[in-house]
Amino acid sequence: MRIKCIVTYDGTHFYGWQIQPDKRTVQEEIQKAIYKITHEEVTIHSSGRTDAGVHAVGQVFHYDINKEIPEKQWIRALNNFLPDDIYIKDSFIVDESFHARYSAKKKEYRYLVSTKPYNPIERLYVFQHNRPLDIEAMRECAKIFLGEHDFASFCVFNGLGDTIRVIETIDIQEEDGIVTMRFVGNGFRRYMVRLISGALIQVGSHWRTKEFVEDLLNSKGKKKCLFKAKPEGLYLQEVYYEEDD
């Protein structure tokens, strides 16, 4: 049977999602937990990778397994063997046509920035910008990214793969000195959210203009954005599938 899980994790002490030699990763920890339950070697397939230090509220993965366990019992079984910085929120038996990555219709990321004085307690979960941001300037600049664009200037681009994506929402709100940037789109290439967030922070700080950022976008990779926001402020919030509509 094919099992779909929703997982949340604190990315602070992981070298990202994907298994790497001699590195602690989320994928490896979950696969080890599945093996302890079933004694079957499985590979889990996620909706996408997250990098070192990046967190997830609603990452999705699936795996195929021979052992028959009621779908909701996977929650308790997996959490029993997972470390404290990973938690399975829900589990489902799904059709074999479901794929965590290829069935996804859109994703939501959030990036958190503090405009308050430096806070060592928050430092691993909120980017410590620690100076005011012009929210209206950021909102105006965010509009240039909406719709379909070639984001080659705002992602890792090695000439392989499509860099055209559709962003349907960039919502920017500030509450109690924490700025939350919410991104919803049909897909995001590596570092794309962090580079866009970094550019918006530059504009909000009055270090760069909207026109400067727009020129980067329109160059379609000929010019590169160098303002990559730090990983600790980034969260994979939710992955949307057709059945969610």
Protein backbone atom coordinates (compact mmCIF):
# COMPACT_ATOMS: atom_id res chain seq x y z
CA MET A 1 0.00 0.00 0.00
CA ARG A 2 1.03 3.60 -0.52
CA ILE A 3 1.14 5.84 2.55
CA LYS A 4 1.03 9.65 2.45
CA CYS A 5 2.26 11.54 5.52
CA ILE A 6 2.32 15.17 6.60
CA VAL A 7 5.37 16.00 8.70
CA THR A 8 6.63 19.04 10.58
CA TYR A 9 10.25 19.48 11.58
CA ASP A 10 12.72 21.90 13.08
CA GLY A 11 15.46 22.16 10.46
CA THR A 12 18.08 23.65 12.79
CA HIS A 13 20.15 20.51 13.30
CA PHE A 14 19.62 18.92 9.89
CA TYR A 15 21.67 19.21 6.72
CA GLY A 16 18.40 19.49 4.83
CA TRP A 17 15.84 16.93 3.71
CA GLN A 18 17.75 14.73 1.29
CA ILE A 19 20.03 11.92 2.46
CA GLN A 20 23.73 12.85 2.35
CA PRO A 21 26.74 10.74 3.37
CA ASP A 22 27.71 11.25 7.01
CA LYS A 23 25.15 14.02 7.48
CA ARG A 24 22.01 14.11 9.61
CA THR A 25 18.98 14.55 7.33
CA VAL A 26 15.21 14.43 7.75
CA GLN A 27 14.75 11.79 5.05
CA GLU A 28 17.21 9.40 6.70
CA GLU A 29 15.63 9.76 10.14
CA ILE A 30 12.17 8.96 8.78
CA GLN A 31 13.39 6.01 6.72
CA LYS A 32 15.14 4.59 9.80
CA ALA A 33 11.88 4.90 11.75
CA ILE A 34 9.93 3.06 9.05
CA TYR A 35 12.52 0.27 9.06
CA LYS A 36 12.21 -0.14 12.84
CA ILE A 37 8.45 -0.63 12.42
CA THR A 38 8.37 -2.84 9.32
CA HIS A 39 11.91 -4.23 8.85
CA GLU A 40 11.53 -3.17 5.22
CA GLU A 41 14.01 -0.92 3.44
CA VAL A 42 12.00 1.89 1.84
CA THR A 43 12.74 5.15 0.10
CA ILE A 44 10.39 8.01 0.94
CA HIS A 45 9.51 10.57 -1.71
CA SER A 46 8.87 14.16 -0.62
CA SER A 47 7.06 17.08 -2.21
CA GLY A 48 10.49 18.72 -2.51
CA ARG A 49 13.76 19.21 -0.68
CA THR A 50 14.45 21.73 2.04
CA ASP A 51 17.96 22.99 2.70
CA ALA A 52 20.01 22.96 5.88
CA GLY A 53 18.41 25.08 8.59
CA VAL A 54 15.04 25.41 6.80
CA HIS A 55 11.93 24.36 8.72
CA ALA A 56 8.68 22.70 7.66
CA VAL A 57 5.17 22.99 9.03
CA GLY A 58 3.49 20.85 6.37
CA GLN A 59 6.01 18.86 4.33
CA VAL A 60 4.46 15.86 2.52
CA PHE A 61 6.04 12.53 1.65
CA HIS A 62 4.90 9.09 0.53
CA TYR A 63 6.27 5.55 0.53
CA ASP A 64 5.18 2.08 -0.52
CA ILE A 65 5.08 -0.65 2.10
CA ASN A 66 3.99 -4.29 2.33
CA LYS A 67 3.06 -4.26 6.01
CA GLU A 68 -0.64 -3.60 6.55
CA ILE A 69 -1.19 -1.04 9.29
CA PRO A 70 -4.36 1.09 9.63
CA GLU A 71 -3.62 4.48 8.11
CA LYS A 72 -3.86 6.56 11.28
CA GLN A 73 -1.71 4.15 13.31
CA TRP A 74 1.30 5.25 11.27
CA ILE A 75 1.19 8.56 13.17
CA ARG A 76 1.85 7.00 16.56
CA ALA A 77 4.13 4.28 15.22
CA LEU A 78 6.45 6.65 13.38
CA ASN A 79 6.52 9.29 16.10
CA ASN A 80 7.52 6.60 18.59
CA PHE A 81 10.81 6.13 16.71
CA LEU A 82 11.45 9.67 15.46
CA PRO A 83 13.66 12.24 17.23
CA ASP A 84 12.08 15.18 19.01
CA ASP A 85 12.68 17.61 16.12
CA ILE A 86 10.47 15.63 13.69
CA TYR A 87 6.75 14.95 14.16
CA ILE A 88 4.25 13.18 11.90
CA LYS A 89 1.03 15.22 11.91
CA ASP A 90 -1.17 12.94 9.79
CA SER A 91 -1.12 9.83 7.61
CA PHE A 92 -3.34 8.43 4.86
CA ILE A 93 -3.59 5.39 2.61
CA VAL A 94 -3.62 6.77 -0.94
CA ASP A 95 -3.99 5.47 -4.46
CA GLU A 96 -0.84 4.35 -6.27
CA SER A 97 -1.31 7.24 -8.71
CA PHE A 98 -0.51 9.70 -5.91
CA HIS A 99 3.01 11.14 -5.82
CA ALA A 100 4.07 13.63 -3.14
CA ARG A 101 6.03 15.70 -5.65
CA TYR A 102 4.37 15.22 -9.02
CA SER A 103 0.77 15.35 -7.73
CA ALA A 104 1.33 18.66 -5.95
CA LYS A 105 -0.58 21.60 -7.47
CA LYS A 106 0.99 24.41 -5.47
CA LYS A 107 3.11 25.14 -2.41
CA GLU A 108 3.10 27.74 0.30
CA TYR A 109 6.24 29.06 1.96
CA ARG A 110 6.61 31.66 4.67
CA TYR A 111 9.61 33.78 5.55
CA LEU A 112 9.85 35.47 8.97
CA VAL A 113 11.91 38.60 9.66
CA SER A 114 12.36 40.41 12.96
CA THR A 115 12.56 44.21 13.01
CA LYS A 116 12.94 44.20 16.80
CA PRO A 117 16.23 44.23 18.74
CA TYR A 118 18.32 41.07 18.40
CA ASN A 119 16.73 38.10 20.16
CA PRO A 120 19.03 35.10 20.75
CA ILE A 121 16.04 32.87 21.56
CA GLU A 122 14.38 33.57 18.19
CA ARG A 123 17.58 33.54 16.15
CA LEU A 124 17.15 29.99 14.79
CA TYR A 125 13.52 30.55 13.75
CA VAL A 126 13.23 34.19 12.68
CA PHE A 127 15.79 36.09 10.60
CA GLN A 128 17.25 38.78 12.86
CA HIS A 129 17.22 41.85 10.62
CA ASN A 130 16.80 44.03 13.73
CA ARG A 131 15.99 47.28 11.94
CA PRO A 132 12.78 48.81 10.51
CA LEU A 133 11.39 47.74 7.14
CA ASP A 134 9.23 49.78 4.76
CA ILE A 135 6.37 47.33 4.37
CA GLU A 136 4.57 49.33 1.68
CA ALA A 137 7.73 49.47 -0.45
CA MET A 138 8.08 45.70 -0.06
CA ARG A 139 4.45 45.13 -1.08
CA GLU A 140 4.89 47.30 -4.17
CA CYS A 141 8.03 45.43 -5.16
CA ALA A 142 6.37 42.04 -4.54
CA LYS A 143 3.87 42.79 -7.31
CA ILE A 144 6.56 42.40 -9.98
CA PHE A 145 6.92 38.71 -9.09
CA LEU A 146 3.22 37.85 -9.41
CA GLY A 147 2.09 35.77 -12.36
CA GLU A 148 4.24 33.71 -14.71
CA HIS A 149 7.90 34.67 -15.02
CA ASP A 150 11.28 33.20 -15.81
CA PHE A 151 12.93 33.18 -12.38
CA ALA A 152 16.41 32.23 -13.60
CA SER A 153 17.86 35.27 -11.81
CA PHE A 154 16.25 34.21 -8.52
CA CYS A 155 17.22 30.56 -8.21
CA VAL A 156 20.07 28.13 -8.67
CA PHE A 157 20.29 27.88 -12.45
CA ASN A 158 22.78 25.61 -14.16
CA GLY A 159 21.08 25.47 -17.55
CA LEU A 160 19.15 22.34 -16.61
CA GLY A 161 15.44 22.36 -15.87
CA ASP A 162 12.69 24.88 -16.39
CA THR A 163 12.94 28.16 -14.47
CA ILE A 164 9.46 29.40 -15.42
CA ARG A 165 7.09 29.43 -12.46
CA VAL A 166 3.80 31.02 -11.47
CA ILE A 167 3.50 32.89 -8.18
CA GLU A 168 -0.12 33.63 -7.34
CA THR A 169 0.31 35.26 -3.93
CA ILE A 170 2.91 37.26 -2.04
CA ASP A 171 1.35 38.60 1.12
CA ILE A 172 3.41 40.69 3.55
CA GLN A 173 2.19 41.42 7.07
CA GLU A 174 3.83 42.83 10.20
CA GLU A 175 2.73 42.09 13.75
CA ASP A 176 4.60 42.88 16.95
CA GLY A 177 7.84 43.49 15.08
CA ILE A 178 7.73 40.24 13.09
CA VAL A 179 7.29 40.55 9.32
CA THR A 180 5.80 37.48 7.63
CA MET A 181 6.13 37.08 3.88
CA ARG A 182 3.76 34.46 2.50
CA PHE A 183 4.43 32.95 -0.94
CA VAL A 184 2.04 30.68 -2.85
CA GLY A 185 2.92 29.32 -6.28
CA ASN A 186 2.90 26.30 -8.53
CA GLY A 187 6.50 25.51 -7.63
CA PHE A 188 9.74 27.04 -6.41
CA ARG A 189 13.25 26.20 -7.52
CA ARG A 190 16.12 25.92 -5.07
CA TYR A 191 16.78 29.15 -3.15
CA MET A 192 14.00 30.92 -5.05
CA VAL A 193 11.98 31.96 -1.98
CA ARG A 194 15.13 32.97 -0.09
CA LEU A 195 16.40 35.09 -3.00
CA ILE A 196 13.05 36.83 -3.50
CA SER A 197 12.79 37.36 0.26
CA GLY A 198 16.29 38.79 0.31
CA ALA A 199 15.47 41.19 -2.51
CA LEU A 200 12.31 42.35 -0.73
CA ILE A 201 14.26 42.90 2.49
CA GLN A 202 16.77 45.00 0.52
CA VAL A 203 13.92 47.14 -0.83
CA GLY A 204 12.27 47.38 2.59
CA SER A 205 15.58 48.60 4.01
CA HIS A 206 15.90 51.20 1.22
CA TRP A 207 19.18 49.61 0.13
CA ARG A 208 17.83 48.72 -3.33
CA THR A 209 14.91 49.98 -5.41
CA LYS A 210 11.97 48.19 -6.96
CA GLU A 211 13.38 49.12 -10.38
CA PHE A 212 16.70 47.46 -9.55
CA VAL A 213 14.94 44.22 -8.56
CA GLU A 214 12.68 44.36 -11.62
CA ASP A 215 15.74 44.68 -13.85
CA LEU A 216 17.16 41.52 -12.28
CA LEU A 217 13.93 39.62 -12.93
CA ASN A 218 13.66 40.82 -16.52
CA SER A 219 17.24 39.76 -17.27
CA LYS A 220 16.08 36.10 -17.05
CA GLY A 221 19.34 34.89 -15.61
CA LYS A 222 21.78 37.25 -17.29
CA LYS A 223 22.02 39.08 -13.97
CA LYS A 224 21.85 37.21 -10.68
CA CYS A 225 20.21 38.23 -7.43
CA LEU A 226 22.85 38.05 -4.69
CA PHE A 227 20.59 38.87 -1.74
CA LYS A 228 19.87 35.35 -0.43
CA ALA A 229 18.02 35.51 2.87
CA LYS A 230 19.25 33.21 5.63
CA PRO A 231 17.68 29.74 5.97
CA GLU A 232 16.42 30.03 9.55
CA GLY A 233 13.55 32.34 8.60
CA LEU A 234 12.11 29.99 5.96
CA TYR A 235 9.24 27.54 6.45
CA LEU A 236 7.60 25.13 4.02
CA GLN A 237 4.09 25.86 5.24
CA GLU A 238 1.80 23.66 3.15
CA VAL A 239 1.60 21.57 -0.01
CA TYR A 240 -1.69 21.62 -1.91
CA TYR A 241 -3.13 18.74 -3.93
CA GLU A 242 -6.19 18.44 -6.13
CA GLU A 243 -8.20 16.79 -3.36
CA ASP A 244 -7.55 19.88 -1.19
CA ASP A 245 -9.48 22.15 -3.58
